[in-house]
Each structure stands twice: as C-alpha cells, then as structure tokens.
Amino acid sequence: MVNVNNIVLQFVYQLYVFLIFYTYNMKTIGEKFPDFTKEALVSLKLDKEFKTLTQNDSVGKWTVFFWWPMDFTFICPTEIISFNDHFDDFAQRDAHLIGASTDSHFVHLAWRNNHPGLKGLKFPMLADTSKSLAEELGILEPNSKIAYRATYIIDPEGTIQHVSINGLNVGRNVKEILRVLDALQTGELTPCEWVPGEATLS
C-alpha cells in the first residue's frame, strides 16, 4: 500500500532543495567546478607555510572540496580533524582533499598553531579571503557572508558529481562522504545504503 505521507514528504523535500539551489544560484551536479587561484596554508614549517592553489592542481583526480564557516569556532575543528583522520582513506581512493573557508591564510596559520588537533593536518586549508569562490558556488550565508558547510565531490574532469550543504550548526559525517565517493567511483547503479563489497544494480 502506498504511503501518502512519505510521498508528500519526499515532494516537499525535493521542492525545498530546488528552491535552495534556485534562490542562491548554487553550483550543482553536472556543472564544472569554478576556476580559482587562491592562497592556501599547506605546512607549519617556516618559509613553507603557503602555496598558491588552482583548479589545475586537481586535474585528473577525484577531489573532495569541503568548506567550513569560520576558523576559531567550535564545530569546525571537529570536522577538520575527522577529515584529517580519514586522509589516508581519501588518498587510497586517489582523491585530492581540500578544505576551505573565507578566512585568510594567515588566520588559518594562527588557528593551526593555536589548536593542538590541527597541527598535523595533511591537506591544504584554502583561503577564499575575497569570498569570490564561495560566492560563485552560491554557498555564502546571506547575513553573515560566511560559507555554509558545503561538500563537493568533483570527478577527474572537473565536473561536480555530488554536493551536500549543512547549516551552520550541524557537523558532517566524513564516513558518509567516503561512502558516496566509493559509490561514484564504481560508475554503476548503487542502491540505498550501499557500501563497498555489496552488489551494484548494473
């Protein structure tokens, strides 16, 4: 028997997602990730702290590009540390990991030096100080103009294959991002809650 309530809820959710992407003109699945040239914090070693990153650094590789709202906050370091804990898992999947916020690379440096859990980061912290990339992606919170907790999975051709966005008060599940990456890399049809090792639908 058809559950009408579930159908209505699914419709309302799909409408909500459509309105969010339409209202904020967010980049979404099937679109090219924007070109960018940004400074990033890549190390705590003297005179090796910063590097200019562009979209060309990820050509030919899968990329997981995740954003957090602000440095020196509470939820953000829990997410960043979790991504770092799974850095080798992304590397095993030949996926380039990039974190970003609208803070400057100097603020990133100060934060990493100040927070014990961030000292050993293995991925770059990109600084979108001008907010131009976040604005082009459509992920700036309209009042404070800081980035939402957005996550993009980008294929080796630079096309967005997955995007998810959390509110400012809800942290992400990095294991779920890995699961989605695994599913995308199969190139096949994967059912609900599929995990590696299970059969696909194709």
C-alpha atoms as a PDB file:
ATOM      1  CA  MET A   1       0.000   0.000   0.000  1.00  0.00           C
ATOM      2  CA  VAL A   2       1.281   3.439  -0.954  1.00  0.00           C
ATOM      3  CA  ASN A   3       2.228   5.639   1.994  1.00  0.00           C
ATOM      4  CA  VAL A   4       0.826   9.044   1.020  1.00  0.00           C
ATOM      5  CA  ASN A   5       2.623  10.820   3.853  1.00  0.00           C
ATOM      6  CA  ASN A   6       6.001   9.581   2.582  1.00  0.00           C
ATOM      7  CA  ILE A   7       5.209  10.736  -0.955  1.00  0.00           C
ATOM      8  CA  VAL A   8       4.193  14.183   0.305  1.00  0.00           C
ATOM      9  CA  LEU A   9       7.329  14.453   2.453  1.00  0.00           C
ATOM     10  CA  GLN A  10       9.559  13.452  -0.476  1.00  0.00           C
ATOM     11  CA  PHE A  11       7.883  16.042  -2.690  1.00  0.00           C
ATOM     12  CA  VAL A  12       8.255  18.789  -0.080  1.00  0.00           C
ATOM     13  CA  TYR A  13      11.937  17.907   0.424  1.00  0.00           C
ATOM     14  CA  GLN A  14      12.650  17.910  -3.321  1.00  0.00           C
ATOM     15  CA  LEU A  15      10.888  21.257  -3.647  1.00  0.00           C
ATOM     16  CA  TYR A  16      12.935  22.640  -0.737  1.00  0.00           C
ATOM     17  CA  VAL A  17      16.210  21.509  -2.329  1.00  0.00           C
ATOM     18  CA  PHE A  18      15.191  23.017  -5.673  1.00  0.00           C
ATOM     19  CA  LEU A  19      14.287  26.343  -4.080  1.00  0.00           C
ATOM     20  CA  ILE A  20      17.567  26.485  -2.147  1.00  0.00           C
ATOM     21  CA  PHE A  21      19.664  25.903  -5.266  1.00  0.00           C
ATOM     22  CA  TYR A  22      17.498  28.245  -7.370  1.00  0.00           C
ATOM     23  CA  THR A  23      17.418  31.056  -4.800  1.00  0.00           C
ATOM     24  CA  TYR A  24      21.143  31.051  -4.075  1.00  0.00           C
ATOM     25  CA  ASN A  25      22.216  30.087  -7.605  1.00  0.00           C
ATOM     26  CA  MET A  26      24.304  27.254  -6.191  1.00  0.00           C
ATOM     27  CA  LYS A  27      26.581  25.197  -8.392  1.00  0.00           C
ATOM     28  CA  THR A  28      25.241  21.687  -8.554  1.00  0.00           C
ATOM     29  CA  ILE A  29      25.676  18.230 -10.058  1.00  0.00           C
ATOM     30  CA  GLY A  30      26.759  18.173 -13.696  1.00  0.00           C
ATOM     31  CA  GLU A  31      28.298  21.652 -13.612  1.00  0.00           C
ATOM     32  CA  LYS A  32      32.004  22.400 -13.775  1.00  0.00           C
ATOM     33  CA  PHE A  33      33.622  23.405 -10.516  1.00  0.00           C
ATOM     34  CA  PRO A  34      34.717  27.057 -10.947  1.00  0.00           C
ATOM     35  CA  ASP A  35      38.264  28.030 -11.846  1.00  0.00           C
ATOM     36  CA  PHE A  36      40.152  29.562  -8.946  1.00  0.00           C
ATOM     37  CA  THR A  37      43.551  30.857  -7.864  1.00  0.00           C
ATOM     38  CA  LYS A  38      43.818  31.069  -4.080  1.00  0.00           C
ATOM     39  CA  GLU A  39      46.429  31.103  -1.349  1.00  0.00           C
ATOM     40  CA  ALA A  40      46.421  28.111   0.981  1.00  0.00           C
ATOM     41  CA  LEU A  41      48.124  27.037   4.172  1.00  0.00           C
ATOM     42  CA  VAL A  42      49.962  23.787   3.426  1.00  0.00           C
ATOM     43  CA  SER A  43      52.562  23.498   6.213  1.00  0.00           C
ATOM     44  CA  LEU A  44      53.667  24.844   9.580  1.00  0.00           C
ATOM     45  CA  LYS A  45      57.336  24.785   8.548  1.00  0.00           C
ATOM     46  CA  LEU A  46      58.998  28.194   8.382  1.00  0.00           C
ATOM     47  CA  ASP A  47      59.004  29.700   4.872  1.00  0.00           C
ATOM     48  CA  LYS A  48      56.978  26.738   3.561  1.00  0.00           C
ATOM     49  CA  GLU A  49      53.633  27.660   5.054  1.00  0.00           C
ATOM     50  CA  PHE A  50      51.817  28.931   1.991  1.00  0.00           C
ATOM     51  CA  LYS A  51      51.182  27.852  -1.574  1.00  0.00           C
ATOM     52  CA  THR A  52      49.030  29.150  -4.400  1.00  0.00           C
ATOM     53  CA  LEU A  53      46.434  26.590  -5.430  1.00  0.00           C
ATOM     54  CA  THR A  54      44.411  26.487  -8.648  1.00  0.00           C
ATOM     55  CA  GLN A  55      41.847  24.136 -10.093  1.00  0.00           C
ATOM     56  CA  ASN A  56      44.655  22.649 -12.214  1.00  0.00           C
ATOM     57  CA  ASP A  57      46.192  21.049  -9.110  1.00  0.00           C
ATOM     58  CA  SER A  58      43.363  18.520  -9.109  1.00  0.00           C
ATOM     59  CA  VAL A  59      43.115  17.769 -12.830  1.00  0.00           C
ATOM     60  CA  GLY A  60      42.897  14.044 -13.478  1.00  0.00           C
ATOM     61  CA  LYS A  61      41.998  13.160  -9.889  1.00  0.00           C
ATOM     62  CA  TRP A  62      38.834  12.947  -7.863  1.00  0.00           C
ATOM     63  CA  THR A  63      38.596  15.882  -5.463  1.00  0.00           C
ATOM     64  CA  VAL A  64      36.690  16.315  -2.218  1.00  0.00           C
ATOM     65  CA  PHE A  65      36.400  20.048  -1.559  1.00  0.00           C
ATOM     66  CA  PHE A  66      34.803  20.919   1.778  1.00  0.00           C
ATOM     67  CA  TRP A  67      34.013  24.279   3.384  1.00  0.00           C
ATOM     68  CA  TRP A  68      33.562  25.394   6.969  1.00  0.00           C
ATOM     69  CA  PRO A  69      32.154  28.737   8.162  1.00  0.00           C
ATOM     70  CA  MET A  70      34.939  30.218  10.304  1.00  0.00           C
ATOM     71  CA  ASP A  71      38.247  29.471  11.973  1.00  0.00           C
ATOM     72  CA  PHE A  72      38.476  29.635  15.783  1.00  0.00           C
ATOM     73  CA  THR A  73      34.992  28.165  16.241  1.00  0.00           C
ATOM     74  CA  PHE A  74      33.604  25.032  17.886  1.00  0.00           C
ATOM     75  CA  ILE A  75      32.083  22.620  15.331  1.00  0.00           C
ATOM     76  CA  CYS A  76      34.570  23.361  12.554  1.00  0.00           C
ATOM     77  CA  PRO A  77      37.663  21.777  14.144  1.00  0.00           C
ATOM     78  CA  THR A  78      35.751  18.550  14.859  1.00  0.00           C
ATOM     79  CA  GLU A  79      35.013  18.238  11.135  1.00  0.00           C
ATOM     80  CA  ILE A  80      38.506  19.199  10.006  1.00  0.00           C
ATOM     81  CA  ILE A  81      40.107  16.727  12.415  1.00  0.00           C
ATOM     82  CA  SER A  82      37.762  13.990  11.182  1.00  0.00           C
ATOM     83  CA  PHE A  83      38.650  14.694   7.546  1.00  0.00           C
ATOM     84  CA  ASN A  84      42.312  14.557   8.525  1.00  0.00           C
ATOM     85  CA  ASP A  85      41.800  11.266  10.389  1.00  0.00           C
ATOM     86  CA  HIS A  86      40.460   9.844   7.107  1.00  0.00           C
ATOM     87  CA  PHE A  87      43.094  11.469   4.882  1.00  0.00           C
ATOM     88  CA  ASP A  88      44.669   8.117   4.013  1.00  0.00           C
ATOM     89  CA  ASP A  89      41.239   6.729   3.120  1.00  0.00           C
ATOM     90  CA  PHE A  90      40.791   9.513   0.570  1.00  0.00           C
ATOM     91  CA  ALA A  91      44.345   9.015  -0.706  1.00  0.00           C
ATOM     92  CA  GLN A  92      43.706   5.285  -1.218  1.00  0.00           C
ATOM     93  CA  ARG A  93      40.833   6.300  -3.471  1.00  0.00           C
ATOM     94  CA  ASP A  94      43.168   8.642  -5.392  1.00  0.00           C
ATOM     95  CA  ALA A  95      41.112  11.591  -4.160  1.00  0.00           C
ATOM     96  CA  HIS A  96      42.575  15.037  -3.545  1.00  0.00           C
ATOM     97  CA  LEU A  97      41.295  16.613  -0.297  1.00  0.00           C
ATOM     98  CA  ILE A  98      40.975  20.397   0.071  1.00  0.00           C
ATOM     99  CA  GLY A  99      39.439  22.314   2.972  1.00  0.00           C
ATOM    100  CA  ALA A 100      38.393  25.955   2.729  1.00  0.00           C
ATOM    101  CA  SER A 101      36.822  28.908   4.464  1.00  0.00           C
ATOM    102  CA  THR A 102      36.659  32.640   3.856  1.00  0.00           C
ATOM    103  CA  ASP A 103      39.347  33.308   6.466  1.00  0.00           C
ATOM    104  CA  SER A 104      42.795  34.439   5.300  1.00  0.00           C
ATOM    105  CA  HIS A 105      45.742  32.069   5.068  1.00  0.00           C
ATOM    106  CA  PHE A 106      47.322  34.000   7.958  1.00  0.00           C
ATOM    107  CA  VAL A 107      44.275  33.291  10.144  1.00  0.00           C
ATOM    108  CA  HIS A 108      44.500  29.621   9.116  1.00  0.00           C
ATOM    109  CA  LEU A 109      48.130  29.626  10.246  1.00  0.00           C
ATOM    110  CA  ALA A 110      47.315  31.226  13.593  1.00  0.00           C
ATOM    111  CA  TRP A 111      44.484  28.758  14.175  1.00  0.00           C
ATOM    112  CA  ARG A 112      46.586  25.698  13.365  1.00  0.00           C
ATOM    113  CA  ASN A 113      49.359  26.909  15.643  1.00  0.00           C
ATOM    114  CA  ASN A 114      46.803  27.567  18.390  1.00  0.00           C
ATOM    115  CA  HIS A 115      44.787  24.325  18.159  1.00  0.00           C
ATOM    116  CA  PRO A 116      46.577  21.052  19.044  1.00  0.00           C
ATOM    117  CA  GLY A 117      44.214  18.978  16.910  1.00  0.00           C
ATOM    118  CA  LEU A 118      45.038  20.963  13.770  1.00  0.00           C
ATOM    119  CA  LYS A 119      48.824  20.913  13.926  1.00  0.00           C
ATOM    120  CA  GLY A 120      49.187  17.692  11.936  1.00  0.00           C
ATOM    121  CA  LEU A 121      46.864  18.419   9.027  1.00  0.00           C
ATOM    122  CA  LYS A 122      47.810  16.633   5.809  1.00  0.00           C
ATOM    123  CA  PHE A 123      45.644  18.653   3.400  1.00  0.00           C
ATOM    124  CA  PRO A 124      45.657  22.338   2.393  1.00  0.00           C
ATOM    125  CA  MET A 125      43.461  24.947   4.059  1.00  0.00           C
ATOM    126  CA  LEU A 126      42.424  27.209   1.209  1.00  0.00           C
ATOM    127  CA  ALA A 127      41.799  30.887   1.951  1.00  0.00           C
ATOM    128  CA  ASP A 128      38.921  32.412  -0.003  1.00  0.00           C
ATOM    129  CA  THR A 129      39.557  35.808   1.554  1.00  0.00           C
ATOM    130  CA  SER A 130      37.767  37.708  -1.215  1.00  0.00           C
ATOM    131  CA  LYS A 131      34.820  35.286  -0.916  1.00  0.00           C
ATOM    132  CA  SER A 132      34.738  35.143  -4.710  1.00  0.00           C
ATOM    133  CA  LEU A 133      34.837  31.348  -4.960  1.00  0.00           C
ATOM    134  CA  ALA A 134      32.230  30.834  -2.223  1.00  0.00           C
ATOM    135  CA  GLU A 135      30.048  33.441  -3.911  1.00  0.00           C
ATOM    136  CA  GLU A 136      30.367  31.776  -7.311  1.00  0.00           C
ATOM    137  CA  LEU A 137      29.451  28.449  -5.720  1.00  0.00           C
ATOM    138  CA  GLY A 138      26.451  30.129  -4.087  1.00  0.00           C
ATOM    139  CA  ILE A 139      27.279  28.947  -0.564  1.00  0.00           C
ATOM    140  CA  LEU A 140      27.552  32.234   1.359  1.00  0.00           C
ATOM    141  CA  GLU A 141      25.150  32.604   4.265  1.00  0.00           C
ATOM    142  CA  PRO A 142      23.140  35.710   3.280  1.00  0.00           C
ATOM    143  CA  ASN A 143      23.519  37.707   6.501  1.00  0.00           C
ATOM    144  CA  SER A 144      26.991  36.995   7.876  1.00  0.00           C
ATOM    145  CA  LYS A 145      28.508  36.198   4.442  1.00  0.00           C
ATOM    146  CA  ILE A 146      30.386  33.156   5.716  1.00  0.00           C
ATOM    147  CA  ALA A 147      30.380  29.820   3.933  1.00  0.00           C
ATOM    148  CA  TYR A 148      27.887  27.077   4.701  1.00  0.00           C
ATOM    149  CA  ARG A 149      29.225  23.597   5.488  1.00  0.00           C
ATOM    150  CA  ALA A 150      29.336  22.632   1.822  1.00  0.00           C
ATOM    151  CA  THR A 151      30.947  19.476   0.450  1.00  0.00           C
ATOM    152  CA  TYR A 152      31.686  18.852  -3.223  1.00  0.00           C
ATOM    153  CA  ILE A 153      32.877  15.653  -4.851  1.00  0.00           C
ATOM    154  CA  ILE A 154      34.420  16.525  -8.207  1.00  0.00           C
ATOM    155  CA  ASP A 155      35.369  13.974 -10.845  1.00  0.00           C
ATOM    156  CA  PRO A 156      38.735  13.909 -12.704  1.00  0.00           C
ATOM    157  CA  GLU A 157      37.256  16.049 -15.490  1.00  0.00           C
ATOM    158  CA  GLY A 158      36.361  18.824 -13.043  1.00  0.00           C
ATOM    159  CA  THR A 159      32.608  18.128 -13.023  1.00  0.00           C
ATOM    160  CA  ILE A 160      30.641  18.218  -9.775  1.00  0.00           C
ATOM    161  CA  GLN A 161      29.188  14.765  -9.077  1.00  0.00           C
ATOM    162  CA  HIS A 162      27.965  15.324  -5.529  1.00  0.00           C
ATOM    163  CA  VAL A 163      27.128  18.346  -3.414  1.00  0.00           C
ATOM    164  CA  SER A 164      25.746  18.500   0.109  1.00  0.00           C
ATOM    165  CA  ILE A 165      25.259  21.522   2.333  1.00  0.00           C
ATOM    166  CA  ASN A 166      24.717  21.605   6.076  1.00  0.00           C
ATOM    167  CA  GLY A 167      23.504  24.513   8.138  1.00  0.00           C
ATOM    168  CA  LEU A 168      25.999  26.371  10.285  1.00  0.00           C
ATOM    169  CA  ASN A 169      25.064  24.378  13.395  1.00  0.00           C
ATOM    170  CA  VAL A 170      25.310  20.788  12.059  1.00  0.00           C
ATOM    171  CA  GLY A 171      28.566  18.910  11.526  1.00  0.00           C
ATOM    172  CA  ARG A 172      29.145  16.420   8.714  1.00  0.00           C
ATOM    173  CA  ASN A 173      29.715  12.659   8.647  1.00  0.00           C
ATOM    174  CA  VAL A 174      33.029  12.058   6.877  1.00  0.00           C
ATOM    175  CA  LYS A 175      32.365   8.313   6.579  1.00  0.00           C
ATOM    176  CA  GLU A 176      29.248   9.064   4.557  1.00  0.00           C
ATOM    177  CA  ILE A 177      31.278  11.281   2.210  1.00  0.00           C
ATOM    178  CA  LEU A 178      33.690   8.385   1.705  1.00  0.00           C
ATOM    179  CA  ARG A 179      30.756   6.074   1.015  1.00  0.00           C
ATOM    180  CA  VAL A 180      29.370   8.432  -1.625  1.00  0.00           C
ATOM    181  CA  LEU A 181      32.831   8.736  -3.204  1.00  0.00           C
ATOM    182  CA  ASP A 182      33.078   4.940  -3.331  1.00  0.00           C
ATOM    183  CA  ALA A 183      29.672   4.734  -4.984  1.00  0.00           C
ATOM    184  CA  LEU A 184      30.534   7.379  -7.574  1.00  0.00           C
ATOM    185  CA  GLN A 185      33.815   5.682  -8.416  1.00  0.00           C
ATOM    186  CA  THR A 186      32.049   2.419  -9.282  1.00  0.00           C
ATOM    187  CA  GLY A 187      30.380   4.135 -12.232  1.00  0.00           C
ATOM    188  CA  GLU A 188      27.411   1.849 -11.617  1.00  0.00           C
ATOM    189  CA  LEU A 189      23.978   1.987 -10.004  1.00  0.00           C
ATOM    190  CA  THR A 190      24.214   1.694  -6.225  1.00  0.00           C
ATOM    191  CA  PRO A 191      21.143   1.098  -4.046  1.00  0.00           C
ATOM    192  CA  CYS A 192      20.254   2.838  -0.809  1.00  0.00           C
ATOM    193  CA  GLU A 193      22.869   2.398   1.943  1.00  0.00           C
ATOM    194  CA  TRP A 194      25.199   0.584  -0.446  1.00  0.00           C
ATOM    195  CA  VAL A 195      28.727   0.009   0.859  1.00  0.00           C
ATOM    196  CA  PRO A 196      31.823  -1.351  -0.907  1.00  0.00           C
ATOM    197  CA  GLY A 197      31.726  -5.108  -1.280  1.00  0.00           C
ATOM    198  CA  GLU A 198      27.996  -5.221  -1.871  1.00  0.00           C
ATOM    199  CA  ALA A 199      26.460  -5.867  -5.277  1.00  0.00           C
ATOM    200  CA  THR A 200      25.536  -2.947  -7.505  1.00  0.00           C
ATOM    201  CA  LEU A 201      22.382  -2.816  -9.615  1.00  0.00           C
ATOM    202  CA  SER A 202      24.050  -2.873 -13.020  1.00  0.00           C
END
